[in-house]
Each structure stands twice: as structure tokens, then as C-alpha cells.
Amino acid sequence: MDDAQRFIEEEEDTQKDRYLTFQIGSEVYGIEIKYVTEIIGIQPVTEIPELPAYMKGIINLRGKIIPVMDIRLRFKKAPREYNDRTCVIVIDINALSIGLIVDSVAEVLTIPEEDIVSPPDVKSGGNRFMKGIGKAGNEVKLILDCEHLLNEQEQENLINI
């Protein structure tokens, strides 16, 4: 094994079981750290016509155009005014960078695989965004499935912005 390969494996290992946690109202969600590229404060958002309501528009991040999604609206929760705690978590999924607008970012936690259980099976498909439920101390964190926040068609539409 060469040094580059070893470095990549060590890098992946340091991210294993690591989750960035954030809040939407009183609920705490976790997102695998390997998807997160950065966290920024809320930026001016340029609206784009004919996007779904949960897609707030685009931001210009150091010359790169990033579509932004309001996680509150994606989860069909009541909209809320953005404030100084509102953050944008920039993630990469399938070669697409997207910003997730969240109420606030909490912390990075290690949640071992054995402390994550499958979400309850809901017939309405309401759990398609959830990868699992993580137990951290006496609390539970709802683990998001980044790959399912947008379906293939939604991803294609955003790539063409």
C-alpha cells in the first residue's frame, strides 16, 4: 500500500462514526461528517423561479454557485425567520454541492455504528430522509440520509442551474 492510499484510508477512518449535529426546532439531527464541506452563516439568497418551495434559491460562495435548501420546509415544518444562529451546511452529494439551511449547528459527535438503529418503517414514506436513529447518552439524534434529501430528478434539475 502506498502512502497516498494509506493517507486516504486514515482520513476515512477519522470520519467514521462522526456526525455534525444541528437543530430544527427542538429536534436534533445528525449528518455524516464525510458529506460536509463547510458551515457558513446565512447568506443573501437569490431566488430562482419554479423551484420547489423548500429550495430557497442559490448563493454565491467564493465564486461557486450553490443551491440552498431550507431543511425546515423540506421536512414540512413551519417556516421560521432566519437569524444570527441560522447556518448553511454545505454538503457534497453525487458531485453536487448543496447548502442546507438549518436553525443552528450544535456539535460534532461520535456515534458508533452499534448505537444507531433503523428508523421506524412508515407506510407513507415519511422516513425516506432518515438513515437511522443514533443514541448519544440519554438523547437521540435523527441521522439524515444525505443521498435521499433529493431524488435523481431534483439533483439533475439543480445541476442544470
N, C-alpha and C. Protein backbone atom coordinates (compact mmCIF):
# COMPACT_ATOMS: atom_id res chain seq x y z
N MET A 1 0.86 -1.18 0.00
CA MET A 1 0.00 0.00 0.00
C MET A 1 0.90 1.24 0.00
N ASP A 2 0.66 2.16 -0.93
CA ASP A 2 1.49 3.36 -0.97
C ASP A 2 1.00 4.40 0.04
N ASP A 3 1.80 5.46 0.21
CA ASP A 3 1.48 6.49 1.22
C ASP A 3 0.15 7.19 0.94
N ALA A 4 -0.13 7.47 -0.34
CA ALA A 4 -1.38 8.16 -0.68
C ALA A 4 -2.58 7.31 -0.28
N GLN A 5 -2.52 6.02 -0.59
CA GLN A 5 -3.62 5.10 -0.24
C GLN A 5 -3.79 5.04 1.28
N ARG A 6 -2.69 4.97 2.00
CA ARG A 6 -2.73 4.90 3.46
C ARG A 6 -3.36 6.19 4.02
N PHE A 7 -2.96 7.34 3.46
CA PHE A 7 -3.50 8.62 3.91
C PHE A 7 -5.01 8.67 3.70
N ILE A 8 -5.47 8.23 2.52
CA ILE A 8 -6.90 8.24 2.23
C ILE A 8 -7.66 7.35 3.21
N GLU A 9 -7.12 6.17 3.50
CA GLU A 9 -7.79 5.27 4.44
C GLU A 9 -7.81 5.86 5.85
N GLU A 10 -6.69 6.51 6.26
CA GLU A 10 -6.67 7.13 7.59
C GLU A 10 -7.67 8.26 7.66
N GLU A 11 -7.75 9.05 6.58
CA GLU A 11 -8.70 10.16 6.51
C GLU A 11 -10.13 9.64 6.65
N GLU A 12 -10.45 8.57 5.92
CA GLU A 12 -11.79 7.99 6.01
C GLU A 12 -12.05 7.45 7.41
N ASP A 13 -11.04 6.88 8.02
CA ASP A 13 -11.19 6.31 9.35
C ASP A 13 -11.47 7.39 10.40
N THR A 14 -10.86 8.56 10.26
CA THR A 14 -11.10 9.63 11.23
C THR A 14 -12.51 10.19 11.10
N GLN A 15 -13.15 9.98 9.94
CA GLN A 15 -14.51 10.47 9.74
C GLN A 15 -15.56 9.42 10.09
N LYS A 16 -15.15 8.19 10.26
CA LYS A 16 -16.08 7.10 10.54
C LYS A 16 -16.80 7.36 11.86
N ASP A 17 -18.10 7.16 11.86
CA ASP A 17 -18.94 7.33 13.06
C ASP A 17 -19.00 8.78 13.55
N ARG A 18 -18.58 9.75 12.73
CA ARG A 18 -18.59 11.16 13.14
C ARG A 18 -19.76 11.87 12.45
N TYR A 19 -20.51 12.62 13.23
CA TYR A 19 -21.71 13.30 12.74
C TYR A 19 -21.72 14.75 13.19
N LEU A 20 -22.07 15.64 12.26
CA LEU A 20 -22.31 17.03 12.59
C LEU A 20 -23.78 17.09 13.01
N THR A 21 -24.04 17.61 14.20
CA THR A 21 -25.43 17.69 14.66
C THR A 21 -25.93 19.13 14.52
N PHE A 22 -27.21 19.24 14.22
CA PHE A 22 -27.84 20.56 14.06
C PHE A 22 -29.28 20.48 14.51
N GLN A 23 -29.87 21.65 14.74
CA GLN A 23 -31.25 21.69 15.22
C GLN A 23 -32.21 22.25 14.20
N ILE A 24 -33.39 21.67 14.20
CA ILE A 24 -34.56 22.20 13.51
C ILE A 24 -35.63 22.20 14.60
N GLY A 25 -35.96 23.37 15.10
CA GLY A 25 -36.88 23.45 16.24
C GLY A 25 -36.25 22.75 17.42
N SER A 26 -37.00 21.84 18.05
CA SER A 26 -36.47 21.14 19.23
C SER A 26 -35.79 19.82 18.88
N GLU A 27 -35.84 19.44 17.59
CA GLU A 27 -35.25 18.17 17.19
C GLU A 27 -33.80 18.33 16.78
N VAL A 28 -32.99 17.33 17.14
CA VAL A 28 -31.57 17.34 16.80
C VAL A 28 -31.33 16.28 15.74
N TYR A 29 -30.71 16.70 14.65
CA TYR A 29 -30.40 15.82 13.53
C TYR A 29 -28.89 15.66 13.43
N GLY A 30 -28.48 14.58 12.81
CA GLY A 30 -27.06 14.36 12.56
C GLY A 30 -26.85 14.10 11.09
N ILE A 31 -25.70 14.52 10.60
CA ILE A 31 -25.34 14.30 9.20
C ILE A 31 -23.91 13.79 9.18
N GLU A 32 -23.66 12.75 8.40
CA GLU A 32 -22.32 12.18 8.37
C GLU A 32 -21.31 13.25 7.96
N ILE A 33 -20.25 13.37 8.74
CA ILE A 33 -19.26 14.42 8.53
C ILE A 33 -18.59 14.30 7.16
N LYS A 34 -18.55 13.11 6.60
CA LYS A 34 -17.87 12.93 5.31
C LYS A 34 -18.56 13.70 4.19
N TYR A 35 -19.84 14.06 4.36
CA TYR A 35 -20.55 14.82 3.33
C TYR A 35 -20.33 16.33 3.47
N VAL A 36 -19.94 16.78 4.66
CA VAL A 36 -19.88 18.21 4.96
C VAL A 36 -18.59 18.82 4.44
N THR A 37 -18.72 19.89 3.65
CA THR A 37 -17.51 20.58 3.19
C THR A 37 -17.25 21.84 4.00
N GLU A 38 -18.32 22.52 4.43
CA GLU A 38 -18.13 23.67 5.31
C GLU A 38 -19.45 24.12 5.91
N ILE A 39 -19.33 24.99 6.90
CA ILE A 39 -20.51 25.57 7.56
C ILE A 39 -20.34 27.07 7.49
N ILE A 40 -21.35 27.76 7.01
CA ILE A 40 -21.28 29.21 6.90
C ILE A 40 -22.53 29.82 7.51
N GLY A 41 -22.45 31.10 7.83
CA GLY A 41 -23.63 31.82 8.29
C GLY A 41 -24.59 32.00 7.13
N ILE A 42 -25.82 32.36 7.44
CA ILE A 42 -26.81 32.56 6.38
C ILE A 42 -26.33 33.69 5.47
N GLN A 43 -26.51 33.50 4.18
CA GLN A 43 -26.07 34.44 3.15
C GLN A 43 -27.29 34.99 2.42
N PRO A 44 -27.10 36.09 1.69
CA PRO A 44 -28.21 36.53 0.82
C PRO A 44 -28.49 35.45 -0.22
N VAL A 45 -29.76 35.08 -0.35
CA VAL A 45 -30.15 34.01 -1.27
C VAL A 45 -30.86 34.63 -2.47
N THR A 46 -30.42 34.27 -3.66
CA THR A 46 -31.07 34.71 -4.89
C THR A 46 -32.12 33.67 -5.25
N GLU A 47 -33.38 34.11 -5.30
CA GLU A 47 -34.46 33.18 -5.61
C GLU A 47 -34.45 32.84 -7.09
N ILE A 48 -34.84 31.62 -7.40
CA ILE A 48 -34.93 31.17 -8.79
C ILE A 48 -36.37 30.72 -9.01
N PRO A 49 -37.01 31.23 -10.06
CA PRO A 49 -38.41 30.85 -10.29
C PRO A 49 -38.57 29.35 -10.56
N GLU A 50 -39.72 28.85 -10.19
CA GLU A 50 -40.15 27.48 -10.48
C GLU A 50 -39.39 26.39 -9.77
N LEU A 51 -38.64 26.73 -8.73
CA LEU A 51 -38.05 25.70 -7.88
C LEU A 51 -39.08 25.33 -6.83
N PRO A 52 -39.02 24.12 -6.28
CA PRO A 52 -39.93 23.78 -5.18
C PRO A 52 -39.72 24.76 -4.01
N ALA A 53 -40.75 24.96 -3.20
CA ALA A 53 -40.70 25.95 -2.11
C ALA A 53 -39.53 25.71 -1.15
N TYR A 54 -39.17 24.44 -0.89
CA TYR A 54 -38.08 24.17 0.05
C TYR A 54 -36.71 24.53 -0.52
N MET A 55 -36.61 24.71 -1.85
CA MET A 55 -35.37 25.18 -2.46
C MET A 55 -35.43 26.70 -2.47
N LYS A 56 -34.66 27.33 -1.60
CA LYS A 56 -34.76 28.77 -1.42
C LYS A 56 -34.13 29.55 -2.57
N GLY A 57 -33.21 28.92 -3.31
CA GLY A 57 -32.55 29.61 -4.41
C GLY A 57 -31.08 29.24 -4.44
N ILE A 58 -30.24 30.23 -4.73
CA ILE A 58 -28.80 29.97 -4.83
C ILE A 58 -28.03 31.02 -4.04
N ILE A 59 -26.82 30.64 -3.63
CA ILE A 59 -25.89 31.60 -3.03
C ILE A 59 -24.59 31.54 -3.83
N ASN A 60 -23.84 32.62 -3.74
CA ASN A 60 -22.53 32.67 -4.38
C ASN A 60 -21.50 32.50 -3.28
N LEU A 61 -20.83 31.36 -3.29
CA LEU A 61 -19.84 31.06 -2.27
C LEU A 61 -18.46 31.09 -2.92
N ARG A 62 -17.77 32.20 -2.73
CA ARG A 62 -16.44 32.40 -3.32
C ARG A 62 -16.42 32.07 -4.81
N GLY A 63 -17.44 32.56 -5.52
CA GLY A 63 -17.49 32.38 -6.96
C GLY A 63 -18.17 31.10 -7.43
N LYS A 64 -18.51 30.22 -6.49
CA LYS A 64 -19.19 28.98 -6.85
C LYS A 64 -20.68 29.13 -6.52
N ILE A 65 -21.52 28.79 -7.48
CA ILE A 65 -22.97 28.88 -7.28
C ILE A 65 -23.46 27.61 -6.57
N ILE A 66 -24.09 27.80 -5.41
CA ILE A 66 -24.56 26.68 -4.59
C ILE A 66 -26.07 26.81 -4.40
N PRO A 67 -26.85 25.80 -4.82
CA PRO A 67 -28.29 25.83 -4.50
C PRO A 67 -28.48 25.58 -3.00
N VAL A 68 -29.47 26.24 -2.41
CA VAL A 68 -29.71 26.06 -0.98
C VAL A 68 -31.14 25.57 -0.72
N MET A 69 -31.21 24.63 0.23
CA MET A 69 -32.48 24.01 0.62
C MET A 69 -32.75 24.34 2.08
N ASP A 70 -33.97 24.77 2.36
CA ASP A 70 -34.37 25.01 3.75
C ASP A 70 -34.87 23.66 4.30
N ILE A 71 -34.08 23.09 5.21
CA ILE A 71 -34.42 21.76 5.76
C ILE A 71 -35.77 21.79 6.46
N ARG A 72 -36.09 22.91 7.13
CA ARG A 72 -37.40 23.05 7.78
C ARG A 72 -38.53 22.79 6.79
N LEU A 73 -38.45 23.45 5.64
CA LEU A 73 -39.50 23.33 4.63
C LEU A 73 -39.47 21.96 3.97
N ARG A 74 -38.27 21.39 3.80
CA ARG A 74 -38.16 20.06 3.20
C ARG A 74 -38.88 19.03 4.07
N PHE A 75 -38.82 19.25 5.40
CA PHE A 75 -39.46 18.32 6.34
C PHE A 75 -40.89 18.75 6.67
N LYS A 76 -41.43 19.69 5.88
CA LYS A 76 -42.82 20.16 6.03
C LYS A 76 -43.09 20.75 7.41
N LYS A 77 -42.11 21.48 7.92
CA LYS A 77 -42.29 22.20 9.19
C LYS A 77 -42.60 23.67 8.87
N ALA A 78 -43.13 24.37 9.87
CA ALA A 78 -43.47 25.78 9.66
C ALA A 78 -42.21 26.60 9.36
N PRO A 79 -42.30 27.54 8.40
CA PRO A 79 -41.14 28.38 8.12
C PRO A 79 -40.79 29.23 9.34
N ARG A 80 -39.56 29.68 9.38
CA ARG A 80 -39.11 30.49 10.51
C ARG A 80 -38.16 31.54 9.97
N GLU A 81 -38.22 32.73 10.55
CA GLU A 81 -37.31 33.80 10.15
C GLU A 81 -35.88 33.38 10.41
N TYR A 82 -34.98 33.70 9.49
CA TYR A 82 -33.56 33.41 9.70
C TYR A 82 -33.00 34.43 10.70
N ASN A 83 -32.06 33.96 11.52
CA ASN A 83 -31.44 34.86 12.49
C ASN A 83 -29.94 34.60 12.55
N ASP A 84 -29.27 35.15 13.56
CA ASP A 84 -27.81 35.01 13.63
C ASP A 84 -27.37 33.59 13.98
N ARG A 85 -28.29 32.72 14.39
CA ARG A 85 -27.95 31.31 14.67
C ARG A 85 -28.16 30.44 13.43
N THR A 86 -28.91 30.94 12.46
CA THR A 86 -29.18 30.18 11.23
C THR A 86 -27.88 29.95 10.48
N CYS A 87 -27.67 28.71 10.06
CA CYS A 87 -26.45 28.35 9.34
C CYS A 87 -26.78 27.64 8.05
N VAL A 88 -25.79 27.63 7.17
CA VAL A 88 -25.86 26.84 5.95
C VAL A 88 -24.77 25.79 6.03
N ILE A 89 -25.18 24.53 6.00
CA ILE A 89 -24.22 23.42 5.98
C ILE A 89 -24.04 23.05 4.51
N VAL A 90 -22.85 23.24 3.98
CA VAL A 90 -22.59 22.90 2.58
C VAL A 90 -22.14 21.45 2.53
N ILE A 91 -22.88 20.65 1.75
CA ILE A 91 -22.55 19.23 1.62
C ILE A 91 -22.32 18.89 0.15
N ASP A 92 -21.62 17.81 -0.08
CA ASP A 92 -21.43 17.28 -1.43
C ASP A 92 -22.13 15.94 -1.52
N ILE A 93 -23.06 15.82 -2.46
CA ILE A 93 -23.70 14.53 -2.73
C ILE A 93 -23.66 14.30 -4.24
N ASN A 94 -23.12 13.17 -4.62
CA ASN A 94 -23.07 12.80 -6.05
C ASN A 94 -22.56 13.94 -6.93
N ALA A 95 -21.44 14.53 -6.56
CA ALA A 95 -20.78 15.60 -7.32
C ALA A 95 -21.59 16.90 -7.38
N LEU A 96 -22.59 17.03 -6.50
CA LEU A 96 -23.38 18.25 -6.43
C LEU A 96 -23.18 18.87 -5.06
N SER A 97 -22.77 20.15 -5.04
CA SER A 97 -22.69 20.87 -3.76
C SER A 97 -24.04 21.51 -3.51
N ILE A 98 -24.53 21.38 -2.29
CA ILE A 98 -25.81 21.97 -1.93
C ILE A 98 -25.72 22.50 -0.51
N GLY A 99 -26.39 23.62 -0.26
CA GLY A 99 -26.42 24.20 1.08
C GLY A 99 -27.70 23.81 1.78
N LEU A 100 -27.57 23.38 3.03
CA LEU A 100 -28.74 23.03 3.85
C LEU A 100 -28.91 24.13 4.90
N ILE A 101 -30.04 24.82 4.85
CA ILE A 101 -30.30 25.88 5.82
C ILE A 101 -30.90 25.23 7.06
N VAL A 102 -30.25 25.41 8.21
CA VAL A 102 -30.70 24.81 9.47
C VAL A 102 -30.83 25.91 10.53
N ASP A 103 -31.62 25.62 11.57
CA ASP A 103 -31.83 26.62 12.63
C ASP A 103 -30.53 26.96 13.34
N SER A 104 -29.75 25.93 13.68
CA SER A 104 -28.44 26.15 14.31
C SER A 104 -27.63 24.87 14.26
N VAL A 105 -26.32 25.03 14.27
CA VAL A 105 -25.41 23.89 14.30
C VAL A 105 -25.05 23.64 15.75
N ALA A 106 -25.03 22.36 16.16
CA ALA A 106 -24.74 22.03 17.56
C ALA A 106 -23.28 21.64 17.74
N GLU A 107 -22.91 20.41 17.37
CA GLU A 107 -21.56 19.91 17.63
C GLU A 107 -21.26 18.74 16.72
N VAL A 108 -20.00 18.31 16.75
CA VAL A 108 -19.63 17.08 16.05
C VAL A 108 -19.56 15.99 17.10
N LEU A 109 -20.29 14.90 16.86
CA LEU A 109 -20.36 13.78 17.80
C LEU A 109 -19.85 12.51 17.16
N THR A 110 -19.33 11.62 17.99
CA THR A 110 -19.02 10.27 17.54
C THR A 110 -20.16 9.38 18.00
N ILE A 111 -20.82 8.75 17.04
CA ILE A 111 -21.89 7.80 17.37
C ILE A 111 -21.50 6.48 16.73
N PRO A 112 -21.05 5.51 17.55
CA PRO A 112 -20.66 4.22 16.99
C PRO A 112 -21.82 3.54 16.27
N GLU A 113 -21.47 2.76 15.23
CA GLU A 113 -22.48 2.08 14.42
C GLU A 113 -23.46 1.28 15.27
N GLU A 114 -22.96 0.65 16.34
CA GLU A 114 -23.85 -0.18 17.16
C GLU A 114 -24.87 0.65 17.95
N ASP A 115 -24.67 1.98 18.02
CA ASP A 115 -25.62 2.85 18.71
C ASP A 115 -26.61 3.50 17.74
N ILE A 116 -26.64 3.01 16.50
CA ILE A 116 -27.58 3.54 15.51
C ILE A 116 -28.55 2.42 15.12
N VAL A 117 -29.84 2.74 15.23
CA VAL A 117 -30.87 1.77 14.86
C VAL A 117 -31.63 2.29 13.65
N SER A 118 -32.28 1.38 12.93
CA SER A 118 -33.06 1.77 11.76
C SER A 118 -34.25 2.61 12.20
N PRO A 119 -34.66 3.56 11.37
CA PRO A 119 -35.85 4.34 11.71
C PRO A 119 -37.09 3.45 11.59
N PRO A 120 -38.17 3.79 12.30
CA PRO A 120 -39.39 3.00 12.17
C PRO A 120 -39.87 3.00 10.72
N ASP A 121 -40.44 1.90 10.29
CA ASP A 121 -40.94 1.78 8.92
C ASP A 121 -42.31 2.45 8.85
N VAL A 122 -42.38 3.54 8.11
CA VAL A 122 -43.63 4.28 7.98
C VAL A 122 -44.17 4.08 6.58
N LYS A 123 -45.41 3.66 6.49
CA LYS A 123 -46.00 3.32 5.18
C LYS A 123 -46.06 4.52 4.23
N SER A 124 -46.22 5.73 4.76
CA SER A 124 -46.36 6.91 3.91
C SER A 124 -45.05 7.34 3.27
N GLY A 125 -43.96 6.65 3.59
CA GLY A 125 -42.67 7.03 3.02
C GLY A 125 -42.07 8.22 3.73
N GLY A 126 -42.58 8.54 4.90
CA GLY A 126 -42.13 9.72 5.64
C GLY A 126 -40.71 9.62 6.16
N ASN A 127 -40.11 8.45 6.11
CA ASN A 127 -38.76 8.30 6.63
C ASN A 127 -37.70 8.21 5.54
N ARG A 128 -38.02 8.62 4.33
CA ARG A 128 -37.04 8.45 3.26
C ARG A 128 -35.81 9.31 3.48
N PHE A 129 -35.91 10.35 4.29
CA PHE A 129 -34.76 11.22 4.56
C PHE A 129 -33.90 10.69 5.70
N MET A 130 -34.40 9.70 6.43
CA MET A 130 -33.71 9.22 7.62
C MET A 130 -32.90 7.96 7.34
N LYS A 131 -31.67 7.97 7.81
CA LYS A 131 -30.83 6.79 7.67
C LYS A 131 -30.90 5.94 8.93
N GLY A 132 -31.11 6.60 10.06
CA GLY A 132 -31.18 5.87 11.32
C GLY A 132 -31.42 6.81 12.48
N ILE A 133 -31.46 6.21 13.67
CA ILE A 133 -31.62 6.97 14.90
C ILE A 133 -30.42 6.65 15.77
N GLY A 134 -29.65 7.68 16.07
CA GLY A 134 -28.43 7.49 16.86
C GLY A 134 -28.68 7.78 18.32
N LYS A 135 -28.12 6.93 19.18
CA LYS A 135 -28.23 7.15 20.63
C LYS A 135 -26.93 7.78 21.11
N ALA A 136 -27.04 8.94 21.71
CA ALA A 136 -25.86 9.63 22.26
C ALA A 136 -26.19 10.01 23.70
N GLY A 137 -25.65 9.26 24.64
CA GLY A 137 -26.01 9.48 26.04
C GLY A 137 -27.48 9.17 26.22
N ASN A 138 -28.21 10.11 26.82
CA ASN A 138 -29.65 9.92 27.03
C ASN A 138 -30.49 10.52 25.91
N GLU A 139 -29.81 11.03 24.88
CA GLU A 139 -30.53 11.70 23.80
C GLU A 139 -30.54 10.84 22.54
N VAL A 140 -31.46 11.18 21.63
CA VAL A 140 -31.46 10.54 20.32
C VAL A 140 -31.21 11.61 19.27
N LYS A 141 -30.50 11.24 18.24
CA LYS A 141 -30.22 12.12 17.11
C LYS A 141 -30.77 11.44 15.87
N LEU A 142 -31.53 12.17 15.08
CA LEU A 142 -32.10 11.62 13.85
C LEU A 142 -31.04 11.77 12.76
N ILE A 143 -30.54 10.65 12.26
CA ILE A 143 -29.45 10.66 11.28
C ILE A 143 -30.03 10.79 9.88
N LEU A 144 -29.64 11.85 9.18
CA LEU A 144 -30.13 12.09 7.83
C LEU A 144 -29.42 11.22 6.81
N ASP A 145 -30.15 10.86 5.79
CA ASP A 145 -29.57 10.16 4.65
C ASP A 145 -29.37 11.20 3.55
N CYS A 146 -28.16 11.75 3.45
CA CYS A 146 -27.87 12.83 2.50
C CYS A 146 -28.23 12.45 1.07
N GLU A 147 -28.01 11.20 0.73
CA GLU A 147 -28.24 10.76 -0.64
C GLU A 147 -29.72 10.80 -1.02
N HIS A 148 -30.61 10.85 -0.02
CA HIS A 148 -32.04 10.84 -0.31
C HIS A 148 -32.74 12.18 -0.03
N LEU A 149 -31.97 13.21 0.31
CA LEU A 149 -32.59 14.53 0.50
C LEU A 149 -33.17 15.04 -0.81
N LEU A 150 -32.55 14.64 -1.90
CA LEU A 150 -33.04 14.99 -3.24
C LEU A 150 -33.10 13.71 -4.07
N ASN A 151 -34.18 13.54 -4.83
CA ASN A 151 -34.21 12.39 -5.72
C ASN A 151 -33.39 12.71 -6.98
N GLU A 152 -33.21 11.73 -7.84
CA GLU A 152 -32.35 11.92 -9.02
C GLU A 152 -32.82 13.08 -9.89
N GLN A 153 -34.13 13.18 -10.08
CA GLN A 153 -34.67 14.27 -10.92
C GLN A 153 -34.37 15.63 -10.30
N GLU A 154 -34.56 15.75 -8.98
CA GLU A 154 -34.28 17.02 -8.30
C GLU A 154 -32.80 17.37 -8.42
N GLN A 155 -31.93 16.36 -8.27
CA GLN A 155 -30.49 16.61 -8.40
C GLN A 155 -30.15 17.09 -9.82
N GLU A 156 -30.73 16.43 -10.83
CA GLU A 156 -30.47 16.84 -12.21
C GLU A 156 -30.91 18.26 -12.44
N ASN A 157 -32.08 18.63 -11.94
CA ASN A 157 -32.59 19.99 -12.12
C ASN A 157 -31.63 21.01 -11.52
N LEU A 158 -31.03 20.68 -10.37
CA LEU A 158 -30.12 21.61 -9.71
C LEU A 158 -28.78 21.71 -10.43
N ILE A 159 -28.34 20.60 -11.00
CA ILE A 159 -27.07 20.62 -11.73
C ILE A 159 -27.18 21.56 -12.93
N ASN A 160 -28.38 21.66 -13.47
CA ASN A 160 -28.58 22.49 -14.67
C ASN A 160 -28.85 23.96 -14.36
N ILE A 161 -28.76 24.36 -13.09
CA ILE A 161 -28.99 25.77 -12.74
C ILE A 161 -27.84 26.60 -13.28
